[in-house]
Amino acid sequence: MAATSPGLAAWGLMTGVAMVNSGMSTFEAAAMSLLVFAGSAQLASMPLIAAGAPVWVILATAFCVNLRFVVFSAHMRAYLMHLPLRWRLFQGYLTADLSYVMFTRRFTHPATDEAGRTAELAYLSGGSFFNWVSWQAMSLLGIALAHSIPANWGLGFAGILALLGVGCSLATSALRRVSAGVAAMAAVAAFALPFKLNIVAAIAAAVALCLVLEHLRPDAPTTPGSPA
């Protein structure tokens, strides 16, 4: 995680500053950072909270932005189902995009022996915790210094660049690149929607198209429960 932590730290710092500048108190911003721990959902919901959007719109937006974690958890089920529920919940809280990607690249198949399971859990826990510390330390620093950091530092743009870098690093297949392009175009096309609902429209368009393309692939699985 050392190679990716600078980008995540910059994103966390920008998110901490943005939460306070959107009108949240220091306590509210710190609580959101520690309890929600989902940068994209935080950034998507903050302008809705500031605009006084209905609660259901805020929750629906955060839910749609974080739908990818449903896929992550389904994939990681085979790796973690041997653990007690409390440890699975804890791993679910800690796991983020890049820690998931790096873990599944390192361990392409679940271990079948105790030593292998221990190695998997150690790698996942270590990477996820390092990622959590990098994010929370800089996010809380941004919250504390929100009123002291000049606007001309361009932290918002730096955060966008960091997020763009993380997104590009995940676009490792043609289908993922197509989904990113479709989401971007849909977000621009629906920009006039109120309450930032263009984000929801972008996610829905990308997911719908990718489900169709996945189904049409010549090598698409045909048996129920087969991994995509």
C-alpha atoms as a PDB file:
ATOM      1  CA  MET A   1       0.000   0.000   0.000  1.00  0.00           C
ATOM      2  CA  ALA A   2       3.021   2.330   0.326  1.00  0.00           C
ATOM      3  CA  ALA A   3       2.976   3.103  -3.397  1.00  0.00           C
ATOM      4  CA  THR A   4      -0.694   4.142  -3.398  1.00  0.00           C
ATOM      5  CA  SER A   5      -0.910   5.853  -0.008  1.00  0.00           C
ATOM      6  CA  PRO A   6       0.283   9.325  -1.192  1.00  0.00           C
ATOM      7  CA  GLY A   7      -2.643   9.606  -3.616  1.00  0.00           C
ATOM      8  CA  LEU A   8      -5.091   8.321  -1.017  1.00  0.00           C
ATOM      9  CA  ALA A   9      -3.678  10.709   1.569  1.00  0.00           C
ATOM     10  CA  ALA A  10      -4.149  13.690  -0.762  1.00  0.00           C
ATOM     11  CA  TRP A  11      -7.726  12.604  -1.424  1.00  0.00           C
ATOM     12  CA  GLY A  12      -8.352  12.182   2.303  1.00  0.00           C
ATOM     13  CA  LEU A  13      -6.946  15.650   3.073  1.00  0.00           C
ATOM     14  CA  MET A  14      -9.155  17.237   0.417  1.00  0.00           C
ATOM     15  CA  THR A  15     -12.213  15.362   1.684  1.00  0.00           C
ATOM     16  CA  GLY A  16     -11.595  16.525   5.259  1.00  0.00           C
ATOM     17  CA  VAL A  17     -11.340  20.149   4.135  1.00  0.00           C
ATOM     18  CA  ALA A  18     -14.411  19.813   1.901  1.00  0.00           C
ATOM     19  CA  MET A  19     -16.571  18.420   4.726  1.00  0.00           C
ATOM     20  CA  VAL A  20     -15.890  21.391   6.982  1.00  0.00           C
ATOM     21  CA  ASN A  21     -16.225  23.913   4.140  1.00  0.00           C
ATOM     22  CA  SER A  22     -19.612  22.430   3.227  1.00  0.00           C
ATOM     23  CA  GLY A  23     -20.978  23.525   6.601  1.00  0.00           C
ATOM     24  CA  MET A  24     -20.338  20.506   8.832  1.00  0.00           C
ATOM     25  CA  SER A  25     -19.018  21.037  12.331  1.00  0.00           C
ATOM     26  CA  THR A  26     -15.626  19.603  13.265  1.00  0.00           C
ATOM     27  CA  PHE A  27     -17.330  16.843  15.280  1.00  0.00           C
ATOM     28  CA  GLU A  28     -19.727  15.936  12.446  1.00  0.00           C
ATOM     29  CA  ALA A  29     -16.935  15.834   9.875  1.00  0.00           C
ATOM     30  CA  ALA A  30     -14.712  13.677  12.107  1.00  0.00           C
ATOM     31  CA  ALA A  31     -17.598  11.315  12.870  1.00  0.00           C
ATOM     32  CA  MET A  32     -18.417  10.973   9.169  1.00  0.00           C
ATOM     33  CA  SER A  33     -14.788  10.243   8.312  1.00  0.00           C
ATOM     34  CA  LEU A  34     -14.445   7.571  10.998  1.00  0.00           C
ATOM     35  CA  LEU A  35     -17.879   5.946  10.703  1.00  0.00           C
ATOM     36  CA  VAL A  36     -18.598   6.131   6.980  1.00  0.00           C
ATOM     37  CA  PHE A  37     -15.015   5.658   5.709  1.00  0.00           C
ATOM     38  CA  ALA A  38     -16.008   5.892   2.047  1.00  0.00           C
ATOM     39  CA  GLY A  39     -14.498   8.858   0.286  1.00  0.00           C
ATOM     40  CA  SER A  40     -16.616   8.761  -2.845  1.00  0.00           C
ATOM     41  CA  ALA A  41     -19.856   8.429  -0.845  1.00  0.00           C
ATOM     42  CA  GLN A  42     -18.783  11.272   1.451  1.00  0.00           C
ATOM     43  CA  LEU A  43     -17.993  13.580  -1.460  1.00  0.00           C
ATOM     44  CA  ALA A  44     -21.243  12.662  -3.224  1.00  0.00           C
ATOM     45  CA  SER A  45     -23.425  13.221  -0.177  1.00  0.00           C
ATOM     46  CA  MET A  46     -21.836  16.426   1.139  1.00  0.00           C
ATOM     47  CA  PRO A  47     -23.310  18.794  -1.470  1.00  0.00           C
ATOM     48  CA  LEU A  48     -26.701  17.136  -0.978  1.00  0.00           C
ATOM     49  CA  ILE A  49     -26.525  17.674   2.773  1.00  0.00           C
ATOM     50  CA  ALA A  50     -25.447  21.285   2.254  1.00  0.00           C
ATOM     51  CA  ALA A  51     -28.311  21.844  -0.200  1.00  0.00           C
ATOM     52  CA  GLY A  52     -30.885  20.420   2.209  1.00  0.00           C
ATOM     53  CA  ALA A  53     -31.786  17.498  -0.057  1.00  0.00           C
ATOM     54  CA  PRO A  54     -34.301  14.928   1.225  1.00  0.00           C
ATOM     55  CA  VAL A  55     -32.761  12.175   3.335  1.00  0.00           C
ATOM     56  CA  TRP A  56     -33.850   9.487   0.868  1.00  0.00           C
ATOM     57  CA  VAL A  57     -31.936  11.233  -1.935  1.00  0.00           C
ATOM     58  CA  ILE A  58     -28.784  11.393   0.196  1.00  0.00           C
ATOM     59  CA  LEU A  59     -29.071   7.739   1.200  1.00  0.00           C
ATOM     60  CA  ALA A  60     -29.876   6.605  -2.342  1.00  0.00           C
ATOM     61  CA  THR A  61     -26.885   8.477  -3.730  1.00  0.00           C
ATOM     62  CA  ALA A  62     -24.502   7.022  -1.138  1.00  0.00           C
ATOM     63  CA  PHE A  63     -25.965   3.553  -1.729  1.00  0.00           C
ATOM     64  CA  CYS A  64     -25.510   3.764  -5.498  1.00  0.00           C
ATOM     65  CA  VAL A  65     -21.982   5.138  -5.239  1.00  0.00           C
ATOM     66  CA  ASN A  66     -21.024   2.240  -2.960  1.00  0.00           C
ATOM     67  CA  LEU A  67     -22.749  -0.540  -4.915  1.00  0.00           C
ATOM     68  CA  ARG A  68     -19.326  -1.818  -5.979  1.00  0.00           C
ATOM     69  CA  PHE A  69     -18.786  -3.066  -2.426  1.00  0.00           C
ATOM     70  CA  VAL A  70     -21.625  -5.537  -2.884  1.00  0.00           C
ATOM     71  CA  VAL A  71     -19.599  -7.062  -5.714  1.00  0.00           C
ATOM     72  CA  PHE A  72     -16.419  -6.947  -3.624  1.00  0.00           C
ATOM     73  CA  SER A  73     -18.077  -8.715  -0.704  1.00  0.00           C
ATOM     74  CA  ALA A  74     -19.593 -11.402  -2.926  1.00  0.00           C
ATOM     75  CA  HIS A  75     -16.154 -12.115  -4.378  1.00  0.00           C
ATOM     76  CA  MET A  76     -14.465 -12.173  -0.953  1.00  0.00           C
ATOM     77  CA  ARG A  77     -17.079 -14.405   0.632  1.00  0.00           C
ATOM     78  CA  ALA A  78     -15.074 -17.542  -0.139  1.00  0.00           C
ATOM     79  CA  TYR A  79     -11.976 -16.022   1.464  1.00  0.00           C
ATOM     80  CA  LEU A  80     -13.578 -14.901   4.711  1.00  0.00           C
ATOM     81  CA  MET A  81     -16.545 -17.146   5.504  1.00  0.00           C
ATOM     82  CA  HIS A  82     -14.436 -19.232   7.884  1.00  0.00           C
ATOM     83  CA  LEU A  83     -14.127 -16.208  10.186  1.00  0.00           C
ATOM     84  CA  PRO A  84     -16.590 -15.329  12.973  1.00  0.00           C
ATOM     85  CA  LEU A  85     -19.199 -12.707  12.058  1.00  0.00           C
ATOM     86  CA  ARG A  86     -17.558  -9.930  14.098  1.00  0.00           C
ATOM     87  CA  TRP A  87     -14.285 -10.346  12.189  1.00  0.00           C
ATOM     88  CA  ARG A  88     -16.067 -10.385   8.840  1.00  0.00           C
ATOM     89  CA  LEU A  89     -17.838  -7.151   9.762  1.00  0.00           C
ATOM     90  CA  PHE A  90     -14.521  -5.626  10.830  1.00  0.00           C
ATOM     91  CA  GLN A  91     -12.852  -6.630   7.559  1.00  0.00           C
ATOM     92  CA  GLY A  92     -15.826  -5.230   5.661  1.00  0.00           C
ATOM     93  CA  TYR A  93     -15.372  -1.885   7.401  1.00  0.00           C
ATOM     94  CA  LEU A  94     -11.628  -1.740   6.679  1.00  0.00           C
ATOM     95  CA  THR A  95     -11.622  -2.994   3.090  1.00  0.00           C
ATOM     96  CA  ALA A  96     -11.417  -0.285   0.433  1.00  0.00           C
ATOM     97  CA  ASP A  97     -11.044  -0.302  -3.338  1.00  0.00           C
ATOM     98  CA  LEU A  98      -7.288  -0.639  -3.629  1.00  0.00           C
ATOM     99  CA  SER A  99      -6.853  -3.023  -0.711  1.00  0.00           C
ATOM    100  CA  TYR A 100      -9.457  -5.274  -2.352  1.00  0.00           C
ATOM    101  CA  VAL A 101      -7.762  -5.061  -5.759  1.00  0.00           C
ATOM    102  CA  MET A 102      -4.290  -5.768  -4.398  1.00  0.00           C
ATOM    103  CA  PHE A 103      -5.550  -8.642  -2.260  1.00  0.00           C
ATOM    104  CA  THR A 104      -7.399 -10.392  -5.090  1.00  0.00           C
ATOM    105  CA  ARG A 105      -4.409  -9.975  -7.404  1.00  0.00           C
ATOM    106  CA  ARG A 106      -2.119 -11.547  -4.802  1.00  0.00           C
ATOM    107  CA  PHE A 107      -4.512 -14.389  -3.957  1.00  0.00           C
ATOM    108  CA  THR A 108      -6.429 -15.362  -7.081  1.00  0.00           C
ATOM    109  CA  HIS A 109      -8.061 -18.362  -5.376  1.00  0.00           C
ATOM    110  CA  PRO A 110      -9.098 -18.927  -1.744  1.00  0.00           C
ATOM    111  CA  ALA A 111      -6.723 -21.065   0.302  1.00  0.00           C
ATOM    112  CA  THR A 112      -7.849 -24.508   1.368  1.00  0.00           C
ATOM    113  CA  ASP A 113      -5.488 -24.988   4.321  1.00  0.00           C
ATOM    114  CA  GLU A 114      -5.054 -23.151   7.613  1.00  0.00           C
ATOM    115  CA  ALA A 115      -1.618 -21.732   6.789  1.00  0.00           C
ATOM    116  CA  GLY A 116      -2.895 -20.318   3.513  1.00  0.00           C
ATOM    117  CA  ARG A 117      -5.919 -18.738   5.187  1.00  0.00           C
ATOM    118  CA  THR A 118      -3.675 -17.155   7.806  1.00  0.00           C
ATOM    119  CA  ALA A 119      -1.461 -15.684   5.071  1.00  0.00           C
ATOM    120  CA  GLU A 120      -4.499 -14.303   3.237  1.00  0.00           C
ATOM    121  CA  LEU A 121      -5.923 -12.711   6.360  1.00  0.00           C
ATOM    122  CA  ALA A 122      -2.555 -11.206   7.309  1.00  0.00           C
ATOM    123  CA  TYR A 123      -2.099  -9.658   3.863  1.00  0.00           C
ATOM    124  CA  LEU A 124      -5.641  -8.283   3.722  1.00  0.00           C
ATOM    125  CA  SER A 125      -5.573  -6.941   7.283  1.00  0.00           C
ATOM    126  CA  GLY A 126      -2.173  -5.309   6.884  1.00  0.00           C
ATOM    127  CA  GLY A 127      -3.029  -3.634   3.579  1.00  0.00           C
ATOM    128  CA  SER A 128      -6.464  -2.510   4.710  1.00  0.00           C
ATOM    129  CA  PHE A 129      -5.171  -1.102   8.005  1.00  0.00           C
ATOM    130  CA  PHE A 130      -2.358   0.817   6.294  1.00  0.00           C
ATOM    131  CA  ASN A 131      -4.914   2.218   3.853  1.00  0.00           C
ATOM    132  CA  TRP A 132      -7.239   3.185   6.741  1.00  0.00           C
ATOM    133  CA  VAL A 133      -4.467   4.952   8.654  1.00  0.00           C
ATOM    134  CA  SER A 134      -3.337   6.870   5.558  1.00  0.00           C
ATOM    135  CA  TRP A 135      -6.875   8.048   4.872  1.00  0.00           C
ATOM    136  CA  GLN A 136      -7.974   8.865   8.410  1.00  0.00           C
ATOM    137  CA  ALA A 137      -4.771  10.659   9.421  1.00  0.00           C
ATOM    138  CA  MET A 138      -4.944  13.048   6.476  1.00  0.00           C
ATOM    139  CA  SER A 139      -8.728  13.386   6.564  1.00  0.00           C
ATOM    140  CA  LEU A 140      -8.647  14.394  10.238  1.00  0.00           C
ATOM    141  CA  LEU A 141      -5.737  16.740   9.498  1.00  0.00           C
ATOM    142  CA  GLY A 142      -7.803  18.347   6.740  1.00  0.00           C
ATOM    143  CA  ILE A 143     -10.729  18.748   9.141  1.00  0.00           C
ATOM    144  CA  ALA A 144      -8.490  20.378  11.755  1.00  0.00           C
ATOM    145  CA  LEU A 145      -6.843  22.751   9.270  1.00  0.00           C
ATOM    146  CA  ALA A 146      -9.842  23.428   7.033  1.00  0.00           C
ATOM    147  CA  HIS A 147     -10.030  27.111   7.935  1.00  0.00           C
ATOM    148  CA  SER A 148      -6.254  27.573   7.749  1.00  0.00           C
ATOM    149  CA  ILE A 149      -5.573  26.130   4.290  1.00  0.00           C
ATOM    150  CA  PRO A 150      -5.804  28.836   1.589  1.00  0.00           C
ATOM    151  CA  ALA A 151      -8.259  28.187  -1.228  1.00  0.00           C
ATOM    152  CA  ASN A 152      -5.571  29.007  -3.798  1.00  0.00           C
ATOM    153  CA  TRP A 153      -3.734  25.821  -2.870  1.00  0.00           C
ATOM    154  CA  GLY A 154      -6.175  24.042  -5.170  1.00  0.00           C
ATOM    155  CA  LEU A 155      -6.793  21.052  -2.903  1.00  0.00           C
ATOM    156  CA  GLY A 156     -10.071  20.340  -4.679  1.00  0.00           C
ATOM    157  CA  PHE A 157      -8.261  19.908  -7.975  1.00  0.00           C
ATOM    158  CA  ALA A 158      -5.536  17.834  -6.286  1.00  0.00           C
ATOM    159  CA  GLY A 159      -8.209  15.564  -4.850  1.00  0.00           C
ATOM    160  CA  ILE A 160      -9.801  15.158  -8.267  1.00  0.00           C
ATOM    161  CA  LEU A 161      -6.427  14.194  -9.741  1.00  0.00           C
ATOM    162  CA  ALA A 162      -5.850  11.681  -6.949  1.00  0.00           C
ATOM    163  CA  LEU A 163      -9.281  10.148  -7.512  1.00  0.00           C
ATOM    164  CA  LEU A 164      -8.677  10.080 -11.259  1.00  0.00           C
ATOM    165  CA  GLY A 165      -5.401   8.251 -10.709  1.00  0.00           C
ATOM    166  CA  VAL A 166      -7.067   5.652  -8.491  1.00  0.00           C
ATOM    167  CA  GLY A 167      -9.855   5.198 -11.040  1.00  0.00           C
ATOM    168  CA  CYS A 168      -7.447   4.768 -13.944  1.00  0.00           C
ATOM    169  CA  SER A 169      -5.438   2.186 -12.010  1.00  0.00           C
ATOM    170  CA  LEU A 170      -8.631   0.102 -11.672  1.00  0.00           C
ATOM    171  CA  ALA A 171      -9.468   0.247 -15.404  1.00  0.00           C
ATOM    172  CA  THR A 172      -7.564  -2.939 -16.149  1.00  0.00           C
ATOM    173  CA  SER A 173      -9.957  -4.500 -18.684  1.00  0.00           C
ATOM    174  CA  ALA A 174     -11.901  -3.394 -21.734  1.00  0.00           C
ATOM    175  CA  LEU A 175     -15.210  -3.801 -19.897  1.00  0.00           C
ATOM    176  CA  ARG A 176     -14.055  -1.599 -17.032  1.00  0.00           C
ATOM    177  CA  ARG A 177     -12.840   1.076 -19.437  1.00  0.00           C
ATOM    178  CA  VAL A 178     -16.175   0.994 -21.257  1.00  0.00           C
ATOM    179  CA  SER A 179     -18.071   1.332 -17.969  1.00  0.00           C
ATOM    180  CA  ALA A 180     -15.922   4.313 -16.957  1.00  0.00           C
ATOM    181  CA  GLY A 181     -16.507   6.026 -20.304  1.00  0.00           C
ATOM    182  CA  VAL A 182     -20.265   5.416 -20.215  1.00  0.00           C
ATOM    183  CA  ALA A 183     -20.503   6.683 -16.632  1.00  0.00           C
ATOM    184  CA  ALA A 184     -18.580   9.844 -17.526  1.00  0.00           C
ATOM    185  CA  MET A 185     -20.776  10.598 -20.541  1.00  0.00           C
ATOM    186  CA  ALA A 186     -23.992   9.900 -18.622  1.00  0.00           C
ATOM    187  CA  ALA A 187     -22.871  12.153 -15.750  1.00  0.00           C
ATOM    188  CA  VAL A 188     -22.239  15.024 -18.168  1.00  0.00           C
ATOM    189  CA  ALA A 189     -25.479  14.442 -20.079  1.00  0.00           C
ATOM    190  CA  ALA A 190     -27.528  14.427 -16.863  1.00  0.00           C
ATOM    191  CA  PHE A 191     -25.639  17.286 -15.209  1.00  0.00           C
ATOM    192  CA  ALA A 192     -28.766  19.474 -15.061  1.00  0.00           C
ATOM    193  CA  LEU A 193     -30.569  17.077 -12.713  1.00  0.00           C
ATOM    194  CA  PRO A 194     -31.100  18.454  -9.184  1.00  0.00           C
ATOM    195  CA  PHE A 195     -29.367  17.193  -6.038  1.00  0.00           C
ATOM    196  CA  LYS A 196     -26.425  15.741  -8.007  1.00  0.00           C
ATOM    197  CA  LEU A 197     -28.686  12.959  -9.294  1.00  0.00           C
ATOM    198  CA  ASN A 198     -26.494  12.835 -12.401  1.00  0.00           C
ATOM    199  CA  ILE A 199     -24.188  10.650 -10.287  1.00  0.00           C
ATOM    200  CA  VAL A 200     -26.967   8.117  -9.771  1.00  0.00           C
ATOM    201  CA  ALA A 201     -27.860   8.293 -13.476  1.00  0.00           C
ATOM    202  CA  ALA A 202     -24.216   7.678 -14.431  1.00  0.00           C
ATOM    203  CA  ILE A 203     -23.933   4.626 -12.184  1.00  0.00           C
ATOM    204  CA  ALA A 204     -27.223   3.184 -13.424  1.00  0.00           C
ATOM    205  CA  ALA A 205     -26.239   3.658 -17.088  1.00  0.00           C
ATOM    206  CA  ALA A 206     -22.813   2.081 -16.636  1.00  0.00           C
ATOM    207  CA  VAL A 207     -24.096  -0.883 -14.627  1.00  0.00           C
ATOM    208  CA  ALA A 208     -26.956  -1.554 -17.062  1.00  0.00           C
ATOM    209  CA  LEU A 209     -24.706  -1.478 -20.126  1.00  0.00           C
ATOM    210  CA  CYS A 210     -22.028  -3.641 -18.526  1.00  0.00           C
ATOM    211  CA  LEU A 211     -24.577  -6.244 -17.453  1.00  0.00           C
ATOM    212  CA  VAL A 212     -25.759  -6.464 -21.069  1.00  0.00           C
ATOM    213  CA  LEU A 213     -22.198  -6.682 -22.419  1.00  0.00           C
ATOM    214  CA  GLU A 214     -21.253  -9.269 -19.810  1.00  0.00           C
ATOM    215  CA  HIS A 215     -24.246 -11.384 -20.815  1.00  0.00           C
ATOM    216  CA  LEU A 216     -23.333 -11.138 -24.503  1.00  0.00           C
ATOM    217  CA  ARG A 217     -19.715 -12.198 -24.069  1.00  0.00           C
ATOM    218  CA  PRO A 218     -18.927 -15.502 -25.807  1.00  0.00           C
ATOM    219  CA  ASP A 219     -17.234 -16.779 -22.637  1.00  0.00           C
ATOM    220  CA  ALA A 220     -19.944 -15.549 -20.261  1.00  0.00           C
ATOM    221  CA  PRO A 221     -20.794 -18.102 -17.527  1.00  0.00           C
ATOM    222  CA  THR A 222     -24.040 -19.941 -18.061  1.00  0.00           C
ATOM    223  CA  THR A 223     -24.364 -21.835 -14.809  1.00  0.00           C
ATOM    224  CA  PRO A 224     -26.042 -20.185 -11.805  1.00  0.00           C
ATOM    225  CA  GLY A 225     -23.566 -18.816  -9.286  1.00  0.00           C
ATOM    226  CA  SER A 226     -20.621 -18.849 -11.710  1.00  0.00           C
ATOM    227  CA  PRO A 227     -18.200 -15.971 -11.100  1.00  0.00           C
ATOM    228  CA  ALA A 228     -18.297 -13.111 -13.597  1.00  0.00           C
END
